[in-house]
PDB file of all heavy atoms in Angstrom:
ATOM      1  N   GLU A   1       0.826  -1.214   0.000  1.00  0.00           N
ATOM      2  CA  GLU A   1       0.000   0.000   0.000  1.00  0.00           C
ATOM      3  C   GLU A   1       0.862   1.267   0.000  1.00  0.00           C
ATOM      4  O   GLU A   1       0.449   2.303  -0.516  1.00  0.00           O
ATOM      5  CB  GLU A   1      -0.934   0.009   1.221  1.00  0.00           C
ATOM      6  CG  GLU A   1      -2.031  -1.035   1.176  1.00  0.00           C
ATOM      7  CD  GLU A   1      -1.610  -2.389   1.740  1.00  0.00           C
ATOM      8  OE1 GLU A   1      -0.389  -2.620   1.942  1.00  0.00           O
ATOM      9  OE2 GLU A   1      -2.513  -3.218   1.992  1.00  0.00           O
ATOM     10  N   THR A   2       2.049   1.182   0.593  1.00  0.00           N
ATOM     11  CA  THR A   2       2.947   2.342   0.597  1.00  0.00           C
ATOM     12  C   THR A   2       3.451   2.643  -0.805  1.00  0.00           C
ATOM     13  O   THR A   2       3.517   3.811  -1.224  1.00  0.00           O
ATOM     14  CB  THR A   2       4.119   2.096   1.554  1.00  0.00           C
ATOM     15  OG1 THR A   2       3.606   1.899   2.882  1.00  0.00           O
ATOM     16  CG2 THR A   2       5.084   3.278   1.560  1.00  0.00           C
ATOM     17  N   TYR A   3       3.780   1.607  -1.553  1.00  0.00           N
ATOM     18  CA  TYR A   3       4.215   1.827  -2.932  1.00  0.00           C
ATOM     19  C   TYR A   3       3.066   2.377  -3.778  1.00  0.00           C
ATOM     20  O   TYR A   3       3.288   3.186  -4.691  1.00  0.00           O
ATOM     21  CB  TYR A   3       4.745   0.524  -3.534  1.00  0.00           C
ATOM     22  CG  TYR A   3       6.041   0.065  -2.914  1.00  0.00           C
ATOM     23  CD1 TYR A   3       6.062  -0.983  -1.988  1.00  0.00           C
ATOM     24  CD2 TYR A   3       7.244   0.687  -3.227  1.00  0.00           C
ATOM     25  CE1 TYR A   3       7.254  -1.399  -1.412  1.00  0.00           C
ATOM     26  CE2 TYR A   3       8.439   0.274  -2.653  1.00  0.00           C
ATOM     27  CZ  TYR A   3       8.430  -0.774  -1.740  1.00  0.00           C
ATOM     28  OH  TYR A   3       9.616  -1.173  -1.161  1.00  0.00           O
ATOM     29  N   ASP A   4       1.850   1.967  -3.464  1.00  0.00           N
ATOM     30  CA  ASP A   4       0.693   2.496  -4.186  1.00  0.00           C
ATOM     31  C   ASP A   4       0.527   3.993  -3.939  1.00  0.00           C
ATOM     32  O   ASP A   4       0.303   4.764  -4.886  1.00  0.00           O
ATOM     33  CB  ASP A   4      -0.572   1.743  -3.752  1.00  0.00           C
ATOM     34  CG  ASP A   4      -1.823   2.304  -4.400  1.00  0.00           C
ATOM     35  OD1 ASP A   4      -1.943   2.222  -5.640  1.00  0.00           O
ATOM     36  OD2 ASP A   4      -2.682   2.836  -3.667  1.00  0.00           O
ATOM     37  N   VAL A   5       0.646   4.419  -2.687  1.00  0.00           N
ATOM     38  CA  VAL A   5       0.555   5.850  -2.378  1.00  0.00           C
ATOM     39  C   VAL A   5       1.695   6.614  -3.038  1.00  0.00           C
ATOM     40  O   VAL A   5       1.502   7.722  -3.546  1.00  0.00           O
ATOM     41  CB  VAL A   5       0.562   6.084  -0.851  1.00  0.00           C
ATOM     42  CG1 VAL A   5       0.577   7.571  -0.534  1.00  0.00           C
ATOM     43  CG2 VAL A   5      -0.654   5.447  -0.206  1.00  0.00           C
ATOM     44  N   TRP A   6       2.867   6.044  -3.028  1.00  0.00           N
ATOM     45  CA  TRP A   6       4.026   6.660  -3.688  1.00  0.00           C
ATOM     46  C   TRP A   6       3.694   6.949  -5.151  1.00  0.00           C
ATOM     47  O   TRP A   6       3.889   8.081  -5.636  1.00  0.00           O
ATOM     48  CB  TRP A   6       5.195   5.712  -3.556  1.00  0.00           C
ATOM     49  CG  TRP A   6       6.517   6.150  -4.103  1.00  0.00           C
ATOM     50  CD1 TRP A   6       6.796   7.212  -4.914  1.00  0.00           C
ATOM     51  CD2 TRP A   6       7.773   5.489  -3.861  1.00  0.00           C
ATOM     52  NE1 TRP A   6       8.132   7.263  -5.213  1.00  0.00           N
ATOM     53  CE2 TRP A   6       8.757   6.227  -4.576  1.00  0.00           C
ATOM     54  CE3 TRP A   6       8.156   4.359  -3.147  1.00  0.00           C
ATOM     55  CZ2 TRP A   6      10.105   5.843  -4.562  1.00  0.00           C
ATOM     56  CZ3 TRP A   6       9.497   3.988  -3.135  1.00  0.00           C
ATOM     57  CH2 TRP A   6      10.452   4.723  -3.833  1.00  0.00           C
ATOM     58  N   ALA A   7       3.186   5.949  -5.861  1.00  0.00           N
ATOM     59  CA  ALA A   7       2.865   6.126  -7.279  1.00  0.00           C
ATOM     60  C   ALA A   7       1.764   7.157  -7.480  1.00  0.00           C
ATOM     61  O   ALA A   7       1.843   8.008  -8.383  1.00  0.00           O
ATOM     62  CB  ALA A   7       2.454   4.786  -7.887  1.00  0.00           C
ATOM     63  N   ARG A   8       0.715   7.098  -6.658  1.00  0.00           N
ATOM     64  CA  ARG A   8      -0.393   8.050  -6.793  1.00  0.00           C
ATOM     65  C   ARG A   8       0.049   9.478  -6.485  1.00  0.00           C
ATOM     66  O   ARG A   8      -0.421  10.433  -7.107  1.00  0.00           O
ATOM     67  CB  ARG A   8      -1.549   7.649  -5.874  1.00  0.00           C
ATOM     68  CG  ARG A   8      -2.291   6.403  -6.347  1.00  0.00           C
ATOM     69  CD  ARG A   8      -3.595   6.212  -5.594  1.00  0.00           C
ATOM     70  NE  ARG A   8      -3.382   5.762  -4.233  1.00  0.00           N
ATOM     71  CZ  ARG A   8      -3.981   6.273  -3.172  1.00  0.00           C
ATOM     72  NH1 ARG A   8      -4.808   7.306  -3.301  1.00  0.00           N
ATOM     73  NH2 ARG A   8      -3.760   5.787  -1.959  1.00  0.00           N
ATOM     74  N   THR A   9       0.978   9.605  -5.554  1.00  0.00           N
ATOM     75  CA  THR A   9       1.484  10.933  -5.191  1.00  0.00           C
ATOM     76  C   THR A   9       2.292  11.537  -6.336  1.00  0.00           C
ATOM     77  O   THR A   9       2.135  12.712  -6.681  1.00  0.00           O
ATOM     78  CB  THR A   9       2.345  10.836  -3.921  1.00  0.00           C
ATOM     79  OG1 THR A   9       1.548  10.317  -2.846  1.00  0.00           O
ATOM     80  CG2 THR A   9       2.898  12.203  -3.522  1.00  0.00           C
ATOM     81  N   GLU A  10       3.161  10.738  -6.931  1.00  0.00           N
ATOM     82  CA  GLU A  10       3.944  11.245  -8.067  1.00  0.00           C
ATOM     83  C   GLU A  10       3.027  11.646  -9.217  1.00  0.00           C
ATOM     84  O   GLU A  10       3.268  12.663  -9.890  1.00  0.00           O
ATOM     85  CB  GLU A  10       4.940  10.182  -8.522  1.00  0.00           C
ATOM     86  CG  GLU A  10       6.087   9.960  -7.558  1.00  0.00           C
ATOM     87  CD  GLU A  10       7.211   9.139  -8.152  1.00  0.00           C
ATOM     88  OE1 GLU A  10       6.928   8.327  -9.065  1.00  0.00           O
ATOM     89  OE2 GLU A  10       8.368   9.312  -7.723  1.00  0.00           O
ATOM     90  N   GLU A  11       1.980  10.879  -9.447  1.00  0.00           N
ATOM     91  CA  GLU A  11       1.066  11.193 -10.542  1.00  0.00           C
ATOM     92  C   GLU A  11       0.286  12.473 -10.274  1.00  0.00           C
ATOM     93  O   GLU A  11       0.185  13.344 -11.147  1.00  0.00           O
ATOM     94  CB  GLU A  11       0.097  10.031 -10.757  1.00  0.00           C
ATOM     95  CG  GLU A  11      -0.876  10.256 -11.913  1.00  0.00           C
ATOM     96  CD  GLU A  11      -1.789   9.074 -12.153  1.00  0.00           C
ATOM     97  OE1 GLU A  11      -1.687   8.070 -11.423  1.00  0.00           O
ATOM     98  OE2 GLU A  11      -2.618   9.155 -13.084  1.00  0.00           O
ATOM     99  N   LYS A  12      -0.243  12.603  -9.061  1.00  0.00           N
ATOM    100  CA  LYS A  12      -1.072  13.777  -8.756  1.00  0.00           C
ATOM    101  C   LYS A  12      -0.260  15.070  -8.769  1.00  0.00           C
ATOM    102  O   LYS A  12      -0.707  16.091  -9.291  1.00  0.00           O
ATOM    103  CB  LYS A  12      -1.738  13.621  -7.384  1.00  0.00           C
ATOM    104  CG  LYS A  12      -2.592  14.835  -6.979  1.00  0.00           C
ATOM    105  CD  LYS A  12      -3.294  14.629  -5.661  1.00  0.00           C
ATOM    106  CE  LYS A  12      -4.057  15.866  -5.215  1.00  0.00           C
ATOM    107  NZ  LYS A  12      -5.188  16.195  -6.111  1.00  0.00           N
ATOM    108  N   TYR A  13       0.938  15.019  -8.196  1.00  0.00           N
ATOM    109  CA  TYR A  13       1.719  16.254  -8.033  1.00  0.00           C
ATOM    110  C   TYR A  13       2.802  16.413  -9.094  1.00  0.00           C
ATOM    111  O   TYR A  13       3.579  17.376  -9.028  1.00  0.00           O
ATOM    112  CB  TYR A  13       2.317  16.296  -6.623  1.00  0.00           C
ATOM    113  CG  TYR A  13       1.236  16.353  -5.568  1.00  0.00           C
ATOM    114  CD1 TYR A  13       0.921  15.236  -4.809  1.00  0.00           C
ATOM    115  CD2 TYR A  13       0.494  17.519  -5.367  1.00  0.00           C
ATOM    116  CE1 TYR A  13      -0.087  15.279  -3.859  1.00  0.00           C
ATOM    117  CE2 TYR A  13      -0.512  17.572  -4.418  1.00  0.00           C
ATOM    118  CZ  TYR A  13      -0.801  16.445  -3.677  1.00  0.00           C
ATOM    119  OH  TYR A  13      -1.810  16.488  -2.736  1.00  0.00           O
ATOM    120  N   GLN A  14       2.834  15.490 -10.056  1.00  0.00           N
ATOM    121  CA  GLN A  14       3.767  15.602 -11.174  1.00  0.00           C
ATOM    122  C   GLN A  14       5.201  15.827 -10.691  1.00  0.00           C
ATOM    123  O   GLN A  14       5.854  16.826 -11.004  1.00  0.00           O
ATOM    124  CB  GLN A  14       3.328  16.732 -12.106  1.00  0.00           C
ATOM    125  CG  GLN A  14       2.004  16.458 -12.816  1.00  0.00           C
ATOM    126  CD  GLN A  14       2.094  15.250 -13.751  1.00  0.00           C
ATOM    127  OE1 GLN A  14       2.760  15.310 -14.773  1.00  0.00           O
ATOM    128  NE2 GLN A  14       1.430  14.158 -13.386  1.00  0.00           N
ATOM    129  N   LEU A  15       5.687  14.875  -9.925  1.00  0.00           N
ATOM    130  CA  LEU A  15       7.050  14.954  -9.420  1.00  0.00           C
ATOM    131  C   LEU A  15       7.645  13.557  -9.340  1.00  0.00           C
ATOM    132  O   LEU A  15       6.932  12.552  -9.412  1.00  0.00           O
ATOM    133  CB  LEU A  15       7.092  15.621  -8.041  1.00  0.00           C
ATOM    134  CG  LEU A  15       6.720  14.772  -6.814  1.00  0.00           C
ATOM    135  CD1 LEU A  15       7.298  15.389  -5.564  1.00  0.00           C
ATOM    136  CD2 LEU A  15       5.216  14.626  -6.666  1.00  0.00           C
ATOM    137  N   ARG A  16       8.944  13.502  -9.188  1.00  0.00           N
ATOM    138  CA  ARG A  16       9.641  12.267  -8.912  1.00  0.00           C
ATOM    139  C   ARG A  16      10.227  12.373  -7.503  1.00  0.00           C
ATOM    140  O   ARG A  16      10.892  13.355  -7.165  1.00  0.00           O
ATOM    141  CB  ARG A  16      10.757  12.016  -9.921  1.00  0.00           C
ATOM    142  CG  ARG A  16      10.248  11.452 -11.233  1.00  0.00           C
ATOM    143  CD  ARG A  16       9.841   9.988 -11.104  1.00  0.00           C
ATOM    144  NE  ARG A  16       9.320   9.465 -12.356  1.00  0.00           N
ATOM    145  CZ  ARG A  16       8.018   9.379 -12.640  1.00  0.00           C
ATOM    146  NH1 ARG A  16       7.120   9.797 -11.749  1.00  0.00           N
ATOM    147  NH2 ARG A  16       7.621   8.888 -13.791  1.00  0.00           N
ATOM    148  N   ILE A  17       9.951  11.365  -6.699  1.00  0.00           N
ATOM    149  CA  ILE A  17      10.461  11.307  -5.333  1.00  0.00           C
ATOM    150  C   ILE A  17      11.688  10.404  -5.347  1.00  0.00           C
ATOM    151  O   ILE A  17      11.595   9.222  -5.680  1.00  0.00           O
ATOM    152  CB  ILE A  17       9.385  10.784  -4.376  1.00  0.00           C
ATOM    153  CG1 ILE A  17       8.189  11.742  -4.381  1.00  0.00           C
ATOM    154  CG2 ILE A  17       9.943  10.620  -2.964  1.00  0.00           C
ATOM    155  CD1 ILE A  17       6.944  11.191  -3.719  1.00  0.00           C
ATOM    156  N   LYS A  18      12.837  10.959  -5.006  1.00  0.00           N
ATOM    157  CA  LYS A  18      14.093  10.214  -5.101  1.00  0.00           C
ATOM    158  C   LYS A  18      14.174   9.179  -3.994  1.00  0.00           C
ATOM    159  O   LYS A  18      14.005   9.499  -2.813  1.00  0.00           O
ATOM    160  CB  LYS A  18      15.284  11.161  -5.028  1.00  0.00           C
ATOM    161  CG  LYS A  18      16.627  10.475  -5.296  1.00  0.00           C
ATOM    162  CD  LYS A  18      17.764  11.483  -5.378  1.00  0.00           C
ATOM    163  CE  LYS A  18      19.074  10.796  -5.702  1.00  0.00           C
ATOM    164  NZ  LYS A  18      20.199  11.766  -5.801  1.00  0.00           N
ATOM    165  N   ALA A  19      14.423   7.948  -4.374  1.00  0.00           N
ATOM    166  CA  ALA A  19      14.506   6.858  -3.409  1.00  0.00           C
ATOM    167  C   ALA A  19      15.953   6.607  -3.002  1.00  0.00           C
ATOM    168  O   ALA A  19      16.858   6.604  -3.840  1.00  0.00           O
ATOM    169  CB  ALA A  19      13.912   5.591  -3.995  1.00  0.00           C
ATOM    170  N   PHE A  20      16.147   6.389  -1.708  1.00  0.00           N
ATOM    171  CA  PHE A  20      17.449   6.008  -1.166  1.00  0.00           C
ATOM    172  C   PHE A  20      17.305   4.628  -0.540  1.00  0.00           C
ATOM    173  O   PHE A  20      16.442   4.406   0.314  1.00  0.00           O
ATOM    174  CB  PHE A  20      17.935   7.036  -0.146  1.00  0.00           C
ATOM    175  CG  PHE A  20      18.319   8.341  -0.780  1.00  0.00           C
ATOM    176  CD1 PHE A  20      17.355   9.294  -1.064  1.00  0.00           C
ATOM    177  CD2 PHE A  20      19.635   8.610  -1.114  1.00  0.00           C
ATOM    178  CE1 PHE A  20      17.698  10.496  -1.674  1.00  0.00           C
ATOM    179  CE2 PHE A  20      19.989   9.806  -1.722  1.00  0.00           C
ATOM    180  CZ  PHE A  20      19.009  10.751  -2.007  1.00  0.00           C
ATOM    181  N   TYR A  21      18.153   3.704  -0.974  1.00  0.00           N
ATOM    182  CA  TYR A  21      18.055   2.305  -0.576  1.00  0.00           C
ATOM    183  C   TYR A  21      19.210   1.936   0.358  1.00  0.00           C
ATOM    184  O   TYR A  21      20.254   2.597   0.368  1.00  0.00           O
ATOM    185  CB  TYR A  21      18.098   1.414  -1.821  1.00  0.00           C
ATOM    186  CG  TYR A  21      16.947   1.653  -2.761  1.00  0.00           C
ATOM    187  CD1 TYR A  21      17.052   2.573  -3.808  1.00  0.00           C
ATOM    188  CD2 TYR A  21      15.740   0.987  -2.588  1.00  0.00           C
ATOM    189  CE1 TYR A  21      15.987   2.808  -4.664  1.00  0.00           C
ATOM    190  CE2 TYR A  21      14.666   1.213  -3.438  1.00  0.00           C
ATOM    191  CZ  TYR A  21      14.798   2.124  -4.476  1.00  0.00           C
ATOM    192  OH  TYR A  21      13.735   2.362  -5.312  1.00  0.00           O
ATOM    193  N   PRO A  22      19.048   0.870   1.134  1.00  0.00           N
ATOM    194  CA  PRO A  22      20.161   0.413   1.974  1.00  0.00           C
ATOM    195  C   PRO A  22      21.371   0.033   1.131  1.00  0.00           C
ATOM    196  O   PRO A  22      21.227  -0.460   0.004  1.00  0.00           O
ATOM    197  CB  PRO A  22      19.580  -0.819   2.689  1.00  0.00           C
ATOM    198  CG  PRO A  22      18.091  -0.671   2.604  1.00  0.00           C
ATOM    199  CD  PRO A  22      17.830   0.050   1.313  1.00  0.00           C
ATOM    200  N   ASP A  23      22.538   0.259   1.688  1.00  0.00           N
ATOM    201  CA  ASP A  23      23.762  -0.194   1.031  1.00  0.00           C
ATOM    202  C   ASP A  23      23.698  -1.712   0.887  1.00  0.00           C
ATOM    203  O   ASP A  23      23.446  -2.446   1.855  1.00  0.00           O
ATOM    204  CB  ASP A  23      24.975   0.211   1.867  1.00  0.00           C
ATOM    205  CG  ASP A  23      26.268  -0.318   1.295  1.00  0.00           C
ATOM    206  OD1 ASP A  23      26.781   0.277   0.346  1.00  0.00           O
ATOM    207  OD2 ASP A  23      26.740  -1.360   1.805  1.00  0.00           O
ATOM    208  N   ALA A  24      23.922  -2.212  -0.320  1.00  0.00           N
ATOM    209  CA  ALA A  24      23.739  -3.641  -0.599  1.00  0.00           C
ATOM    210  C   ALA A  24      24.653  -4.514   0.253  1.00  0.00           C
ATOM    211  O   ALA A  24      24.228  -5.544   0.787  1.00  0.00           O
ATOM    212  CB  ALA A  24      23.954  -3.906  -2.084  1.00  0.00           C
ATOM    213  N   ASP A  25      25.919  -4.131   0.388  1.00  0.00           N
ATOM    214  CA  ASP A  25      26.853  -4.944   1.167  1.00  0.00           C
ATOM    215  C   ASP A  25      26.482  -4.951   2.649  1.00  0.00           C
ATOM    216  O   ASP A  25      26.534  -5.994   3.311  1.00  0.00           O
ATOM    217  CB  ASP A  25      28.281  -4.422   0.987  1.00  0.00           C
ATOM    218  CG  ASP A  25      28.830  -4.686  -0.410  1.00  0.00           C
ATOM    219  OD1 ASP A  25      28.332  -5.616  -1.076  1.00  0.00           O
ATOM    220  OD2 ASP A  25      29.738  -3.947  -0.827  1.00  0.00           O
ATOM    221  N   ALA A  26      26.109  -3.773   3.165  1.00  0.00           N
ATOM    222  CA  ALA A  26      25.733  -3.685   4.579  1.00  0.00           C
ATOM    223  C   ALA A  26      24.478  -4.500   4.857  1.00  0.00           C
ATOM    224  O   ALA A  26      24.374  -5.176   5.889  1.00  0.00           O
ATOM    225  CB  ALA A  26      25.511  -2.226   4.975  1.00  0.00           C
ATOM    226  N   LEU A  27      23.534  -4.458   3.935  1.00  0.00           N
ATOM    227  CA  LEU A  27      22.304  -5.232   4.114  1.00  0.00           C
ATOM    228  C   LEU A  27      22.588  -6.725   4.040  1.00  0.00           C
ATOM    229  O   LEU A  27      22.058  -7.515   4.836  1.00  0.00           O
ATOM    230  CB  LEU A  27      21.287  -4.829   3.045  1.00  0.00           C
ATOM    231  CG  LEU A  27      19.916  -5.491   3.134  1.00  0.00           C
ATOM    232  CD1 LEU A  27      19.259  -5.228   4.478  1.00  0.00           C
ATOM    233  CD2 LEU A  27      19.019  -4.999   1.989  1.00  0.00           C
ATOM    234  N   GLN A  28      23.423  -7.120   3.116  1.00  0.00           N
ATOM    235  CA  GLN A  28      23.786  -8.531   2.999  1.00  0.00           C
ATOM    236  C   GLN A  28      24.446  -9.022   4.275  1.00  0.00           C
ATOM    237  O   GLN A  28      24.139 -10.120   4.771  1.00  0.00           O
ATOM    238  CB  GLN A  28      24.723  -8.706   1.803  1.00  0.00           C
ATOM    239  CG  GLN A  28      25.133 -10.141   1.530  1.00  0.00           C
ATOM    240  CD  GLN A  28      25.864 -10.257   0.207  1.00  0.00           C
ATOM    241  OE1 GLN A  28      25.286 -10.087  -0.853  1.00  0.00           O
ATOM    242  NE2 GLN A  28      27.166 -10.513   0.278  1.00  0.00           N
ATOM    243  N   ASP A  29      25.339  -8.213   4.833  1.00  0.00           N
ATOM    244  CA  ASP A  29      26.019  -8.590   6.075  1.00  0.00           C
ATOM    245  C   ASP A  29      25.039  -8.646   7.244  1.00  0.00           C
ATOM    246  O   ASP A  29      25.136  -9.540   8.102  1.00  0.00           O
ATOM    247  CB  ASP A  29      27.131  -7.593   6.390  1.00  0.00           C
ATOM    248  CG  ASP A  29      28.311  -7.697   5.427  1.00  0.00           C
ATOM    249  OD1 ASP A  29      28.405  -8.709   4.702  1.00  0.00           O
ATOM    250  OD2 ASP A  29      29.126  -6.752   5.391  1.00  0.00           O
ATOM    251  N   LEU A  30      24.110  -7.706   7.286  1.00  0.00           N
ATOM    252  CA  LEU A  30      23.111  -7.680   8.365  1.00  0.00           C
ATOM    253  C   LEU A  30      22.288  -8.965   8.383  1.00  0.00           C
ATOM    254  O   LEU A  30      22.119  -9.600   9.424  1.00  0.00           O
ATOM    255  CB  LEU A  30      22.184  -6.476   8.197  1.00  0.00           C
ATOM    256  CG  LEU A  30      21.021  -6.380   9.180  1.00  0.00           C
ATOM    257  CD1 LEU A  30      21.501  -5.840  10.522  1.00  0.00           C
ATOM    258  CD2 LEU A  30      19.904  -5.495   8.636  1.00  0.00           C
TER     259      LEU A  30
END
């Protein structure tokens, strides 16, 4: 549902929301 709101928000307000993801190596180690 969070991804759904994300998509609807970008569509309504005509913007791109920059995503920041966990560092792959740190996540793998975790």
